Amino acid sequence: MNILMFGPPGSGKSTHSRRIVEDYGLAYVSSGDIIRYEIEQKSPLGLEMAAYLSRGDLIPDTIVNTLIISKLRRQRENFILDGYPRTPEQVIALENYLYDHGIRLDLALEIFIGEDESVERISGRRICPNCGAVYHVKYNPPRVPEVCDLCGSKLIQRPDDREEVVRKRYQIYAKNMEPIIKFYRGKGIYVRVDGGGPIEEVWKRIKPLLDYIRAREEKRREHE
C-alpha cells in the first residue's frame, strides 16, 4: 500500500501513521520528522526552517519537496507519507515523481478535528528538553507541574505550540488543503475520518479501510 496521511495540528495523524507502519509493514516517511531532524542538527537549512515554524508559517515548497522526494527515492514502494503534500505545488512535485516511477497511491486519508480541539491538544503539550518526554497539561500531566517525571528537568512549551501559532497553523492547513482534498477526491482515493475521541476509537474507524485496500491488492495480484 502507498498512503497519504493528512490532518490538522493535533489530529493524531502521526500516532496512527506509526501504528499503520507497525501493523501493515509500511515505511514511514514523515515530513515533520525529517524537518525536526534538520532543526536539531542546527544545519543552515534547519535554522532557516525553524524560523518559519516559530512564526507559524509554512516552510517553502522548494525545501520540503527536496527533502521528501529524496527520501522517497530510497523507499520507492509500500510507504505512508505523513504530512505531505500540504500545498498544490507539493502535490504537483509528488504526482510528477509518482508518475515518472510508475507508483500508484491507494489512499489519501484525512484524520479531521476542529480548530478549538486542535488548539487544546497542541497548546497543552509540554516537552522535556533533556530526555524528550512528552506531556500534556490536561491529558497526560507530569506528577509535579512543569517538571519531567523521568529526569526532573523543567518542561518547556515549543514556540510553535503556542495558542496563537496553533490557530494560525490550523487556518493555513484548512486553506491549503481545500484544493488538495478536491484533487484526491477526484482521483477517488480521499477518505475523511473523524479524529475525535480516544485513540482506539479513531483506530477502529481507520483499520477497516486499510484491511479493504490490502485485500483488494492481494486479489489484484492473484489475477496478474
Protein backbone atom coordinates (compact mmCIF):
# COMPACT_ATOMS: atom_id res chain seq x y z
CA MET A 1 0.00 0.00 0.00
CA ASN A 2 1.00 3.59 -0.63
CA ILE A 3 -0.84 6.03 1.61
CA LEU A 4 -1.01 9.78 2.16
CA MET A 5 -1.93 10.83 5.71
CA PHE A 6 -3.37 14.29 6.35
CA GLY A 7 -4.71 16.07 9.40
CA PRO A 8 -4.64 19.45 11.15
CA PRO A 9 -2.32 20.04 14.11
CA GLY A 10 -3.11 17.67 16.97
CA SER A 11 -5.27 15.30 14.90
CA GLY A 12 -3.20 12.25 15.85
CA LYS A 13 -2.14 11.52 12.29
CA SER A 14 1.45 10.74 13.30
CA THR A 15 0.29 8.38 16.07
CA HIS A 16 -1.93 6.47 13.66
CA SER A 17 0.68 6.56 10.90
CA ARG A 18 3.13 4.79 13.18
CA ARG A 19 0.53 2.18 14.07
CA ILE A 20 -0.13 1.58 10.37
CA VAL A 21 3.61 1.13 9.89
CA GLU A 22 3.74 -1.47 12.67
CA ASP A 23 0.59 -3.39 11.68
CA TYR A 24 0.91 -3.29 7.90
CA GLY A 25 4.67 -3.25 7.34
CA LEU A 26 4.90 0.08 5.55
CA ALA A 27 7.81 2.51 5.58
CA TYR A 28 7.15 5.72 7.48
CA VAL A 29 8.05 8.95 5.70
CA SER A 30 7.21 11.93 7.93
CA SER A 31 7.78 15.47 6.77
CA GLY A 32 7.72 16.55 10.42
CA ASP A 33 10.39 14.06 11.47
CA ILE A 34 12.63 14.98 8.55
CA ILE A 35 12.27 18.69 9.27
CA ARG A 36 12.82 18.25 13.02
CA TYR A 37 15.98 16.27 12.37
CA GLU A 38 17.43 19.12 10.33
CA ILE A 39 16.45 21.62 13.02
CA GLU A 40 18.00 19.52 15.79
CA GLN A 41 21.23 19.28 13.80
CA LYS A 42 21.26 23.10 13.64
CA SER A 43 22.23 22.93 10.00
CA PRO A 44 21.83 26.14 7.95
CA LEU A 45 18.72 24.59 6.39
CA GLY A 46 17.44 23.58 9.83
CA LEU A 47 17.87 27.09 11.24
CA GLU A 48 16.05 28.53 8.27
CA MET A 49 13.15 26.12 8.72
CA ALA A 50 13.00 26.78 12.48
CA ALA A 51 12.47 30.48 11.80
CA TYR A 52 9.46 29.73 9.59
CA LEU A 53 7.92 27.36 12.15
CA SER A 54 8.35 29.73 15.08
CA ARG A 55 6.18 32.25 13.21
CA GLY A 56 3.58 29.61 12.35
CA ASP A 57 4.44 29.89 8.64
CA LEU A 58 4.81 27.03 6.19
CA ILE A 59 8.29 26.09 5.07
CA PRO A 60 8.77 26.94 1.35
CA ASP A 61 7.72 24.22 -1.07
CA THR A 62 11.12 24.00 -2.74
CA ILE A 63 12.74 22.99 0.55
CA VAL A 64 10.07 20.46 1.55
CA ASN A 65 9.87 18.89 -1.92
CA THR A 66 13.60 18.30 -1.99
CA LEU A 67 13.62 16.66 1.45
CA ILE A 68 10.64 14.38 0.82
CA ILE A 69 11.36 13.32 -2.75
CA SER A 70 14.95 12.41 -1.85
CA LYS A 71 13.57 10.17 0.92
CA LEU A 72 11.05 8.54 -1.43
CA ARG A 73 13.77 7.76 -3.95
CA ARG A 74 15.33 5.46 -1.34
CA GLN A 75 12.00 3.79 -0.48
CA ARG A 76 10.05 3.63 -3.76
CA GLU A 77 7.07 1.46 -2.65
CA ASN A 78 4.96 0.48 0.40
CA PHE A 79 5.08 3.80 2.23
CA ILE A 80 2.92 6.09 4.27
CA LEU A 81 3.55 9.79 3.75
CA ASP A 82 2.68 11.74 6.90
CA GLY A 83 2.00 15.46 6.46
CA TYR A 84 2.89 15.74 2.77
CA PRO A 85 1.79 17.18 0.39
CA ARG A 86 0.34 20.29 2.02
CA THR A 87 0.22 22.74 -0.88
CA PRO A 88 -0.80 22.46 -4.56
CA GLU A 89 2.86 22.92 -5.53
CA GLN A 90 3.83 19.94 -3.37
CA VAL A 91 1.05 17.88 -4.98
CA ILE A 92 2.49 18.64 -8.41
CA ALA A 93 6.00 17.64 -7.32
CA LEU A 94 4.76 14.40 -5.73
CA GLU A 95 2.46 13.43 -8.61
CA ASN A 96 5.23 14.02 -11.14
CA TYR A 97 7.58 11.81 -9.15
CA LEU A 98 4.99 9.04 -8.78
CA TYR A 99 4.10 9.15 -12.47
CA ASP A 100 7.75 9.03 -13.55
CA HIS A 101 8.33 5.92 -11.41
CA GLY A 102 5.02 4.15 -12.08
CA ILE A 103 3.90 4.33 -8.45
CA ARG A 104 0.19 4.37 -7.56
CA LEU A 105 -1.38 5.87 -4.44
CA ASP A 106 -4.04 3.73 -2.75
CA LEU A 107 -5.45 6.10 -0.14
CA ALA A 108 -5.40 9.77 0.85
CA LEU A 109 -6.63 9.67 4.45
CA GLU A 110 -7.52 12.75 6.48
CA ILE A 111 -8.00 12.50 10.25
CA PHE A 112 -10.10 15.57 11.00
CA ILE A 113 -10.63 17.63 14.18
CA GLY A 114 -11.99 21.16 14.67
CA GLU A 115 -9.91 24.24 15.39
CA ASP A 116 -10.71 24.53 19.12
CA GLU A 117 -9.86 20.88 19.72
CA SER A 118 -6.64 21.32 17.76
CA VAL A 119 -5.65 24.27 19.96
CA GLU A 120 -6.46 22.41 23.18
CA ARG A 121 -4.45 19.35 22.18
CA ILE A 122 -1.38 21.21 20.93
CA SER A 123 -1.13 24.24 23.24
CA GLY A 124 -1.31 21.98 26.29
CA ARG A 125 1.69 19.94 25.18
CA ARG A 126 4.91 20.17 27.18
CA ILE A 127 8.30 18.73 26.19
CA CYS A 128 11.31 17.75 28.27
CA PRO A 129 14.32 19.40 26.62
CA ASN A 130 16.66 16.90 28.25
CA CYS A 131 15.17 13.43 27.61
CA GLY A 132 12.46 14.23 25.07
CA ALA A 133 9.49 13.00 27.16
CA VAL A 134 6.16 14.48 26.09
CA TYR A 135 3.34 15.52 28.45
CA HIS A 136 0.00 17.32 28.26
CA VAL A 137 -1.27 19.63 30.98
CA LYS A 138 -4.76 18.05 30.77
CA TYR A 139 -4.47 14.58 29.25
CA ASN A 140 -1.03 13.44 30.45
CA PRO A 141 0.27 15.79 33.16
CA PRO A 142 3.56 15.19 34.99
CA ARG A 143 3.37 14.29 38.67
CA VAL A 144 4.88 17.67 39.56
CA PRO A 145 3.62 20.55 37.39
CA GLU A 146 6.13 21.61 34.70
CA VAL A 147 8.73 19.03 35.86
CA CYS A 148 9.68 15.88 33.94
CA ASP A 149 8.81 12.64 35.74
CA LEU A 150 11.80 10.85 34.20
CA CYS A 151 14.73 13.21 34.68
CA GLY A 152 13.47 16.14 36.74
CA SER A 153 14.16 18.76 34.08
CA LYS A 154 11.88 21.78 33.69
CA LEU A 155 9.40 21.21 30.90
CA ILE A 156 9.04 23.67 28.03
CA GLN A 157 6.40 24.62 25.51
CA ARG A 158 7.71 24.62 21.95
CA PRO A 159 7.36 28.02 20.24
CA ASP A 160 5.11 26.54 17.54
CA ASP A 161 2.80 25.05 20.25
CA ARG A 162 1.60 28.46 21.49
CA GLU A 163 -2.15 29.04 21.01
CA GLU A 164 -1.81 31.92 18.56
CA VAL A 165 0.65 29.93 16.45
CA VAL A 166 -1.53 26.80 16.52
CA ARG A 167 -4.57 28.77 15.33
CA LYS A 168 -2.54 30.23 12.50
CA ARG A 169 -1.22 26.78 11.59
CA TYR A 170 -4.76 25.36 11.61
CA GLN A 171 -6.11 28.12 9.39
CA ILE A 172 -3.23 27.72 6.94
CA TYR A 173 -3.84 23.96 6.90
CA ALA A 174 -7.57 24.37 6.20
CA LYS A 175 -6.99 26.89 3.43
CA ASN A 176 -4.20 24.98 1.69
CA MET A 177 -5.85 21.56 1.99
CA GLU A 178 -9.08 22.56 0.25
CA PRO A 179 -7.76 22.18 -3.34
CA ILE A 180 -5.65 19.15 -2.34
CA ILE A 181 -8.67 17.35 -0.91
CA LYS A 182 -10.63 18.23 -4.04
CA PHE A 183 -7.85 16.78 -6.20
CA TYR A 184 -7.59 13.46 -4.36
CA ARG A 185 -11.36 13.17 -4.06
CA GLY A 186 -11.43 13.47 -7.84
CA LYS A 187 -8.97 10.58 -8.04
CA GLY A 188 -11.34 8.52 -5.89
CA ILE A 189 -8.88 7.84 -3.06
CA TYR A 190 -9.72 10.54 -0.47
CA VAL A 191 -11.40 9.50 2.80
CA ARG A 192 -12.06 11.68 5.87
CA VAL A 193 -12.17 10.03 9.31
CA ASP A 194 -13.42 11.72 12.48
CA GLY A 195 -10.38 12.22 14.74
CA GLY A 196 -12.38 12.96 17.89
CA GLY A 197 -12.35 10.65 20.89
CA PRO A 198 -9.79 8.20 22.29
CA ILE A 199 -7.02 6.84 20.08
CA GLU A 200 -8.52 3.33 19.98
CA GLU A 201 -11.89 4.64 18.79
CA VAL A 202 -10.25 6.52 15.94
CA TRP A 203 -8.20 3.45 15.04
CA LYS A 204 -11.40 1.40 14.72
CA ARG A 205 -12.54 3.87 12.05
CA ILE A 206 -9.26 3.60 10.15
CA LYS A 207 -8.50 -0.13 10.24
CA PRO A 208 -11.40 -1.33 8.02
CA LEU A 209 -10.20 0.98 5.23
CA LEU A 210 -6.72 -0.48 5.34
CA ASP A 211 -7.95 -4.06 5.51
CA TYR A 212 -10.13 -3.43 2.45
CA ILE A 213 -7.23 -1.95 0.47
CA ARG A 214 -4.89 -4.78 1.43
CA ALA A 215 -7.46 -7.41 0.45
CA ARG A 216 -8.10 -5.63 -2.85
CA GLU A 217 -4.38 -5.51 -3.66
CA GLU A 218 -3.92 -9.19 -2.81
CA LYS A 219 -6.81 -10.08 -5.10
CA ARG A 220 -5.38 -7.90 -7.88
CA ARG A 221 -2.00 -9.62 -7.64
CA GLU A 222 -3.66 -13.04 -7.87
CA HIS A 223 -5.11 -12.07 -11.26
CA GLU A 224 -1.91 -10.61 -12.69
